Amino acid sequence: MGQIIVLATPLFLAFIALEFWWSRKRAAGNPAHRFFGLSDSINSISLGMLSQLSGALSKLLVLGIYTAVFKAAGSNHLQGLWSGVTGFLLALVFYDFCYYWLHRAGHEVAVLWAAHVVHHQSQHYNLSTALRQTSSGAWLGWIFYLPMALAGVPPTLFALAGLVDLLYQFWVHTEQIGKLGWFDRIFCSPSNHRVHHAVNELYIDRNYGGILVVWDRLFGSFQEELETCVYGTRSPLHSWDPLWANAEVYWALLLASVHARRWTDKLRVWFKPPGWQSAAMAQAHPQKPFTLDSVTRFDPPLTRLQQGFAMLQFALALGAVAWLLWHIDAMAWTTALVQSAGVAAVIWMQGRYLQHLLSAAQVLVVELCLIATFVFVQVLPVVMP
């Protein structure tokens, strides 16, 4: 799967560039219409890189558990139901149904929101936002797909359906496509998904479908786009640190659990909806009510020179991730883990640089040390056996 993502990456970037050009053309003379931010886009794609690396390292968790359940359930005799084009389409619909419930739970259960929140942190809404993915979703997300294993969907078909479902959702992350009539009533579309990413009271926790929005209509979570969307989360991240982006809600839940006086509250805070507080917790640590007027956009300014350095760092990280994903299946797990940690360090430093928390010199020194270490470990044993 990693190699497929590597091959698809040039297409993703080309469509992002095309959307950027078109949005600039549409917004000419109106600076209020800012559909892109350089730091935001770099941060979103960088989080996608981390997600792919973590997915490559944890694929045995998801596919391994799925395959084990598939075999233990004795589902081999059902494989014939999923053969051919019809079987694939049925499996895709089945996957999308399971995805709907995972996605919905990701908004209604705090510990699952802690993983999913990464995808919602951007205050922009464009194709780069689609690549903004969690690095911890696999930890619990596999549970929601076990019905497919019990129904005899072969592991390879399960993986293929998941890939198609994921790739489909790329194009719906845009403000450049309006409503699509009958299509909006059946499928997840840009209009429907804009609603999902908005923090407006009317839109909160709506439109979970990945490919089909029919599930939302059936289970009461559909909302048509009626007013201008405001994007992000109700507790804004206000950081370009990709590691903190993945950890912030887990940390907040841990603190809430530690500070809660009752043992039941310490446990319930993880499984109740995000932001839940018991009466005792609300009295001890009251939360400020959310209003759209309180939303401020996070975007520390960069000079042209700083923008150029940031884009150079981004290109370096993208190349390193592409190389690693292409070769990772042939690596020992420990080697893949160490090299992924090195690339993650580069991505982390990039985020810190965008916030002016690291200088260009500091970033370059650490990168040179990482490159020297890589050469020493990988190249020298080949040159000097």
Protein backbone atom coordinates (compact mmCIF):
# COMPACT_ATOMS: atom_id res chain seq x y z
CA MET A 1 0.00 0.00 0.00
CA GLY A 2 2.90 2.35 0.77
CA GLN A 3 4.17 2.09 -2.80
CA ILE A 4 0.69 2.89 -4.14
CA ILE A 5 0.62 6.04 -2.02
CA VAL A 6 4.08 6.99 -3.30
CA LEU A 7 2.89 6.60 -6.90
CA ALA A 8 -0.26 8.62 -6.15
CA THR A 9 1.61 11.44 -4.40
CA PRO A 10 2.56 13.35 -7.60
CA LEU A 11 -1.13 13.34 -8.57
CA PHE A 12 -2.13 14.61 -5.13
CA LEU A 13 0.41 17.43 -5.34
CA ALA A 14 -0.60 18.29 -8.92
CA PHE A 15 -4.28 18.60 -7.94
CA ILE A 16 -3.33 20.68 -4.88
CA ALA A 17 -1.30 23.01 -7.13
CA LEU A 18 -4.19 23.25 -9.59
CA GLU A 19 -6.65 24.03 -6.80
CA PHE A 20 -4.26 26.66 -5.42
CA TRP A 21 -3.98 28.33 -8.84
CA TRP A 22 -7.75 28.27 -9.37
CA SER A 23 -8.53 29.56 -5.87
CA ARG A 24 -6.07 32.45 -6.32
CA LYS A 25 -7.74 33.30 -9.62
CA ARG A 26 -11.22 33.26 -8.06
CA ALA A 27 -10.12 35.29 -5.03
CA ALA A 28 -8.18 37.93 -7.03
CA GLY A 29 -8.76 41.34 -5.47
CA ASN A 30 -10.49 39.87 -2.40
CA PRO A 31 -7.93 39.00 0.31
CA ALA A 32 -10.75 37.85 2.61
CA HIS A 33 -11.00 34.68 0.50
CA ARG A 34 -7.88 32.85 1.63
CA PHE A 35 -8.31 29.20 0.77
CA PHE A 36 -4.66 28.28 1.35
CA GLY A 37 -1.92 29.06 3.86
CA LEU A 38 1.64 27.88 3.21
CA SER A 39 2.36 26.79 6.77
CA ASP A 40 -1.05 25.16 7.09
CA SER A 41 -0.63 23.18 3.87
CA ILE A 42 2.90 22.07 4.79
CA ASN A 43 1.64 21.03 8.21
CA SER A 44 -1.32 19.08 6.79
CA ILE A 45 0.78 17.17 4.25
CA SER A 46 3.47 16.55 6.87
CA LEU A 47 0.87 14.99 9.15
CA GLY A 48 -0.09 12.80 6.20
CA MET A 49 3.54 11.71 5.89
CA LEU A 50 3.66 10.75 9.56
CA SER A 51 0.38 8.89 9.16
CA GLN A 52 1.75 6.84 6.27
CA LEU A 53 4.89 5.97 8.21
CA SER A 54 2.94 4.90 11.29
CA GLY A 55 0.55 2.96 9.06
CA ALA A 56 3.43 1.12 7.41
CA LEU A 57 4.85 0.22 10.82
CA SER A 58 1.50 -0.87 12.28
CA LYS A 59 0.02 -2.62 9.25
CA LEU A 60 0.60 -5.98 10.94
CA LEU A 61 -1.66 -4.78 13.75
CA VAL A 62 -4.64 -4.06 11.49
CA LEU A 63 -4.22 -6.70 8.79
CA GLY A 64 -2.74 -9.20 11.23
CA ILE A 65 -5.72 -9.01 13.60
CA TYR A 66 -8.16 -8.95 10.69
CA THR A 67 -6.58 -12.04 9.11
CA ALA A 68 -6.48 -13.87 12.45
CA VAL A 69 -10.19 -13.23 13.04
CA PHE A 70 -10.97 -14.15 9.43
CA LYS A 71 -9.25 -17.54 9.86
CA ALA A 72 -10.47 -18.19 13.41
CA ALA A 73 -14.07 -17.57 12.37
CA GLY A 74 -13.79 -20.21 9.66
CA SER A 75 -14.93 -17.68 7.08
CA ASN A 76 -13.00 -19.21 4.19
CA HIS A 77 -16.13 -20.89 2.81
CA LEU A 78 -17.76 -17.45 2.37
CA GLN A 79 -15.05 -16.04 0.13
CA GLY A 80 -17.04 -16.94 -3.01
CA LEU A 81 -19.64 -14.33 -2.07
CA TRP A 82 -17.02 -11.62 -2.61
CA SER A 83 -15.60 -12.66 -5.97
CA GLY A 84 -15.66 -10.64 -9.19
CA VAL A 85 -16.71 -7.03 -9.73
CA THR A 86 -20.01 -7.49 -7.89
CA GLY A 87 -18.19 -8.94 -4.89
CA PHE A 88 -15.77 -6.01 -4.83
CA LEU A 89 -18.59 -3.44 -4.98
CA LEU A 90 -20.40 -5.21 -2.15
CA ALA A 91 -17.20 -5.27 -0.10
CA LEU A 92 -16.69 -1.56 -0.78
CA VAL A 93 -20.21 -0.74 0.42
CA PHE A 94 -19.65 -2.97 3.46
CA TYR A 95 -16.37 -1.19 4.21
CA ASP A 96 -18.01 2.22 3.86
CA PHE A 97 -20.76 1.15 6.26
CA CYS A 98 -18.16 0.10 8.86
CA TYR A 99 -16.23 3.31 8.19
CA TYR A 100 -19.37 5.35 8.89
CA TRP A 101 -19.64 3.90 12.39
CA LEU A 102 -15.92 4.28 13.07
CA HIS A 103 -16.09 7.88 11.87
CA ARG A 104 -19.18 8.60 13.94
CA ALA A 105 -17.63 7.04 17.03
CA GLY A 106 -14.54 9.15 16.34
CA HIS A 107 -16.69 12.22 17.03
CA GLU A 108 -18.78 10.82 19.86
CA VAL A 109 -16.20 8.92 21.97
CA ALA A 110 -13.40 11.02 23.45
CA VAL A 111 -10.56 8.49 23.14
CA LEU A 112 -11.43 7.92 19.46
CA TRP A 113 -11.72 11.68 18.90
CA ALA A 114 -8.17 11.97 20.29
CA ALA A 115 -7.01 10.06 17.20
CA HIS A 116 -9.40 11.58 14.67
CA VAL A 117 -9.00 15.22 15.77
CA VAL A 118 -5.84 15.57 13.64
CA HIS A 119 -7.93 15.56 10.49
CA HIS A 120 -10.05 18.46 11.74
CA GLN A 121 -7.41 20.81 13.14
CA SER A 122 -6.82 22.81 9.95
CA GLN A 123 -8.62 26.14 9.79
CA HIS A 124 -8.46 25.97 5.99
CA TYR A 125 -10.40 23.58 3.79
CA ASN A 126 -8.62 22.46 0.64
CA LEU A 127 -7.13 19.35 -0.92
CA SER A 128 -4.09 19.47 1.35
CA THR A 129 -6.51 19.05 4.28
CA ALA A 130 -7.46 15.64 2.85
CA LEU A 131 -3.90 14.43 3.44
CA ARG A 132 -4.00 15.53 7.08
CA GLN A 133 -4.41 12.15 8.76
CA THR A 134 -3.95 10.62 12.20
CA SER A 135 -0.97 8.50 13.23
CA SER A 136 -2.85 6.67 16.01
CA GLY A 137 -6.13 5.72 14.35
CA ALA A 138 -5.07 2.10 13.85
CA TRP A 139 -4.79 1.50 17.60
CA LEU A 140 -8.56 1.07 18.02
CA GLY A 141 -9.98 1.60 14.54
CA TRP A 142 -9.52 -2.06 13.52
CA ILE A 143 -12.35 -3.09 15.88
CA PHE A 144 -14.99 -1.56 13.59
CA TYR A 145 -13.97 -3.68 10.58
CA LEU A 146 -14.14 -7.09 12.27
CA PRO A 147 -17.70 -7.69 10.94
CA MET A 148 -16.14 -7.85 7.47
CA ALA A 149 -13.75 -10.57 8.63
CA LEU A 150 -16.64 -12.53 10.17
CA ALA A 151 -18.60 -12.19 6.92
CA GLY A 152 -15.75 -13.76 4.95
CA VAL A 153 -14.35 -10.71 3.13
CA PRO A 154 -10.80 -11.83 2.25
CA PRO A 155 -8.01 -9.72 3.81
CA THR A 156 -6.69 -8.59 0.40
CA LEU A 157 -10.16 -7.42 -0.63
CA PHE A 158 -10.59 -5.67 2.72
CA ALA A 159 -7.30 -3.80 2.17
CA LEU A 160 -8.27 -2.87 -1.41
CA ALA A 161 -11.70 -1.58 -0.34
CA GLY A 162 -10.02 0.50 2.38
CA LEU A 163 -7.61 2.01 -0.13
CA VAL A 164 -10.40 2.92 -2.58
CA ASP A 165 -12.52 4.41 0.22
CA LEU A 166 -9.57 6.52 1.36
CA LEU A 167 -8.59 7.71 -2.13
CA TYR A 168 -12.19 8.67 -2.93
CA GLN A 169 -12.29 11.10 -0.03
CA PHE A 170 -9.40 13.18 -1.38
CA TRP A 171 -11.46 15.18 -3.90
CA VAL A 172 -14.25 16.17 -1.51
CA HIS A 173 -11.92 18.41 0.52
CA THR A 174 -12.37 21.58 -1.51
CA GLU A 175 -14.33 24.81 -1.52
CA GLN A 176 -13.93 25.16 -5.28
CA ILE A 177 -16.81 22.79 -6.13
CA GLY A 178 -20.35 23.85 -5.25
CA LYS A 179 -23.46 21.76 -4.77
CA LEU A 180 -23.97 18.86 -7.20
CA GLY A 181 -27.72 18.24 -7.11
CA TRP A 182 -28.74 14.58 -7.01
CA PHE A 183 -25.13 13.51 -6.34
CA ASP A 184 -25.22 15.29 -2.96
CA ARG A 185 -28.24 13.24 -1.93
CA ILE A 186 -26.45 9.91 -2.33
CA PHE A 187 -22.70 10.39 -2.11
CA CYS A 188 -20.22 12.17 0.10
CA SER A 189 -19.51 15.34 -1.88
CA PRO A 190 -17.56 18.57 -1.32
CA SER A 191 -20.71 20.31 -0.05
CA ASN A 192 -21.59 17.49 2.34
CA HIS A 193 -18.05 17.16 3.63
CA ARG A 194 -17.60 20.89 4.15
CA VAL A 195 -20.43 20.59 6.65
CA HIS A 196 -18.57 17.79 8.40
CA HIS A 197 -15.44 19.92 8.89
CA ALA A 198 -17.29 22.99 10.16
CA VAL A 199 -17.64 24.05 13.79
CA ASN A 200 -20.91 25.96 13.24
CA GLU A 201 -23.58 24.87 15.72
CA LEU A 202 -25.80 23.75 12.84
CA TYR A 203 -23.06 21.55 11.40
CA ILE A 204 -21.30 20.04 14.38
CA ASP A 205 -20.97 16.24 14.21
CA ARG A 206 -22.75 15.70 10.89
CA ASN A 207 -22.15 13.88 7.58
CA TYR A 208 -19.84 11.00 8.50
CA GLY A 209 -20.12 8.94 5.29
CA GLY A 210 -16.88 8.19 3.42
CA ILE A 211 -18.25 7.45 -0.05
CA LEU A 212 -22.00 7.30 0.62
CA VAL A 213 -23.94 9.93 2.53
CA VAL A 214 -26.91 7.56 2.48
CA TRP A 215 -25.76 6.25 5.87
CA ASP A 216 -26.18 9.72 7.37
CA ARG A 217 -29.69 9.98 5.96
CA LEU A 218 -30.57 6.54 7.35
CA PHE A 219 -29.14 7.13 10.82
CA GLY A 220 -30.08 10.75 11.39
CA SER A 221 -26.70 12.48 11.05
CA PHE A 222 -27.21 14.30 7.73
CA GLN A 223 -27.12 18.06 7.39
CA GLU A 224 -27.31 20.06 4.16
CA GLU A 225 -24.90 22.96 3.65
CA LEU A 226 -26.93 26.09 4.38
CA GLU A 227 -24.57 28.71 5.81
CA THR A 228 -20.90 29.64 5.45
CA CYS A 229 -18.64 27.07 7.09
CA VAL A 230 -16.06 27.96 9.75
CA TYR A 231 -13.35 25.30 9.90
CA GLY A 232 -11.11 23.84 12.56
CA THR A 233 -11.95 22.53 16.02
CA ARG A 234 -13.69 24.16 18.95
CA SER A 235 -10.45 23.84 20.92
CA PRO A 236 -8.00 25.15 18.30
CA LEU A 237 -4.57 23.55 18.06
CA HIS A 238 -2.68 26.82 17.40
CA SER A 239 0.53 24.95 16.64
CA TRP A 240 2.42 23.56 13.64
CA ASP A 241 4.04 20.85 15.76
CA PRO A 242 2.93 17.56 14.11
CA LEU A 243 3.73 15.42 17.15
CA TRP A 244 1.72 17.67 19.44
CA ALA A 245 -1.11 17.64 16.89
CA ASN A 246 -1.35 13.88 17.40
CA ALA A 247 -0.93 14.03 21.17
CA GLU A 248 -2.87 17.11 22.32
CA VAL A 249 -6.25 15.50 23.01
CA TYR A 250 -4.73 12.38 24.60
CA TRP A 251 -2.84 14.71 26.94
CA ALA A 252 -5.96 16.74 27.71
CA LEU A 253 -7.88 13.55 28.52
CA LEU A 254 -5.07 12.34 30.75
CA LEU A 255 -5.05 15.62 32.67
CA ALA A 256 -8.84 15.60 32.99
CA SER A 257 -8.70 12.03 34.25
CA VAL A 258 -5.98 12.82 36.79
CA HIS A 259 -7.78 15.91 38.10
CA ALA A 260 -11.17 14.22 38.38
CA ARG A 261 -11.94 13.32 42.00
CA ARG A 262 -14.31 10.43 41.40
CA TRP A 263 -12.99 7.16 40.01
CA THR A 264 -16.00 6.83 37.77
CA ASP A 265 -15.26 10.23 36.25
CA LYS A 266 -11.62 9.30 35.73
CA LEU A 267 -12.79 6.45 33.51
CA ARG A 268 -15.85 8.04 31.91
CA VAL A 269 -13.93 11.03 30.59
CA TRP A 270 -12.26 8.70 28.04
CA PHE A 271 -15.50 7.22 26.71
CA LYS A 272 -17.97 10.08 26.94
CA PRO A 273 -18.27 12.63 24.10
CA PRO A 274 -15.36 15.05 23.67
CA GLY A 275 -15.44 17.87 26.21
CA TRP A 276 -17.72 15.96 28.60
CA GLN A 277 -17.58 16.93 32.27
CA SER A 278 -19.50 15.67 35.27
CA ALA A 279 -21.09 18.29 37.50
CA ALA A 280 -18.16 18.04 39.92
CA MET A 281 -15.60 18.39 37.12
CA ALA A 282 -17.42 21.38 35.61
CA GLN A 283 -17.47 23.10 38.98
CA ALA A 284 -13.76 22.53 39.56
CA HIS A 285 -12.62 23.33 36.00
CA PRO A 286 -15.37 25.24 34.14
CA GLN A 287 -15.05 25.43 30.33
CA LYS A 288 -15.62 28.60 28.37
CA PRO A 289 -18.61 28.36 26.00
CA PHE A 290 -17.71 28.25 22.31
CA THR A 291 -18.80 30.98 19.91
CA LEU A 292 -17.88 31.56 16.27
CA ASP A 293 -16.78 35.08 17.24
CA SER A 294 -14.02 33.56 19.38
CA VAL A 295 -12.37 31.82 16.40
CA THR A 296 -8.99 33.31 15.48
CA ARG A 297 -6.75 32.04 12.69
CA PHE A 298 -3.31 30.77 13.65
CA ASP A 299 -0.65 31.72 11.10
CA PRO A 300 2.68 33.13 12.34
CA PRO A 301 4.06 35.28 9.50
CA LEU A 302 7.09 34.17 7.46
CA THR A 303 9.43 36.26 5.33
CA ARG A 304 10.01 35.18 1.72
CA LEU A 305 13.38 33.74 2.73
CA GLN A 306 11.77 31.77 5.54
CA GLN A 307 9.07 30.52 3.17
CA GLY A 308 11.74 29.33 0.74
CA PHE A 309 13.61 27.48 3.49
CA ALA A 310 10.37 25.90 4.72
CA MET A 311 9.52 24.67 1.21
CA LEU A 312 13.04 23.26 0.83
CA GLN A 313 12.65 21.38 4.12
CA PHE A 314 9.25 20.16 3.03
CA ALA A 315 10.69 18.79 -0.23
CA LEU A 316 13.48 17.05 1.71
CA ALA A 317 11.00 15.43 4.10
CA LEU A 318 8.68 14.40 1.26
CA GLY A 319 11.55 12.75 -0.62
CA ALA A 320 12.72 10.93 2.49
CA VAL A 321 9.22 9.62 3.24
CA ALA A 322 8.71 8.49 -0.37
CA TRP A 323 12.02 6.60 -0.34
CA LEU A 324 11.23 5.00 3.01
CA LEU A 325 7.70 3.93 2.06
CA TRP A 326 9.00 2.43 -1.18
CA HIS A 327 11.56 0.24 0.63
CA ILE A 328 9.98 -0.28 4.03
CA ASP A 329 8.41 -3.67 3.28
CA ALA A 330 11.87 -5.13 2.65
CA MET A 331 13.36 -3.73 5.87
CA ALA A 332 13.68 -5.33 9.26
CA TRP A 333 11.09 -3.82 11.58
CA THR A 334 13.72 -2.30 13.87
CA THR A 335 15.51 -0.69 10.90
CA ALA A 336 12.22 0.71 9.61
CA LEU A 337 11.40 2.05 13.08
CA VAL A 338 14.74 3.83 13.50
CA GLN A 339 14.65 5.37 10.03
CA SER A 340 11.02 6.43 10.47
CA ALA A 341 11.97 8.10 13.75
CA GLY A 342 14.70 10.04 11.93
CA VAL A 343 12.28 11.25 9.27
CA ALA A 344 9.71 12.11 11.94
CA ALA A 345 12.36 14.25 13.64
CA VAL A 346 12.87 16.20 10.40
CA ILE A 347 9.11 16.74 10.08
CA TRP A 348 8.87 17.80 13.73
CA MET A 349 11.69 20.35 13.31
CA GLN A 350 9.95 21.73 10.24
CA GLY A 351 6.82 22.41 12.28
CA ARG A 352 8.85 24.08 15.03
CA TYR A 353 10.61 26.25 12.44
CA LEU A 354 7.27 27.43 11.04
CA GLN A 355 6.44 28.70 14.54
CA HIS A 356 9.84 30.42 14.94
CA LEU A 357 10.71 28.00 17.76
CA LEU A 358 13.79 26.69 15.91
CA SER A 359 16.19 28.61 13.68
CA ALA A 360 17.28 27.48 10.24
CA ALA A 361 20.80 26.86 11.60
CA GLN A 362 19.47 24.55 14.34
CA VAL A 363 17.38 22.62 11.82
CA LEU A 364 20.34 22.18 9.46
CA VAL A 365 22.72 21.00 12.21
CA VAL A 366 20.32 18.28 13.37
CA GLU A 367 19.59 17.22 9.77
CA LEU A 368 23.30 16.92 8.99
CA CYS A 369 23.72 14.72 12.06
CA LEU A 370 20.81 12.52 10.95
CA ILE A 371 22.16 12.26 7.39
CA ALA A 372 25.65 11.38 8.70
CA THR A 373 24.14 8.68 10.92
CA PHE A 374 22.15 7.27 7.98
CA VAL A 375 25.25 7.15 5.77
CA PHE A 376 27.26 5.49 8.52
CA VAL A 377 24.65 2.79 9.17
CA GLN A 378 23.51 2.16 5.59
CA VAL A 379 26.38 2.97 3.24
CA LEU A 380 29.58 2.09 5.07
CA PRO A 381 28.71 -1.61 5.58
CA VAL A 382 28.23 -1.86 1.80
CA VAL A 383 31.44 0.00 0.89
CA MET A 384 33.54 -1.65 3.59
CA PRO A 385 32.14 -5.16 4.19
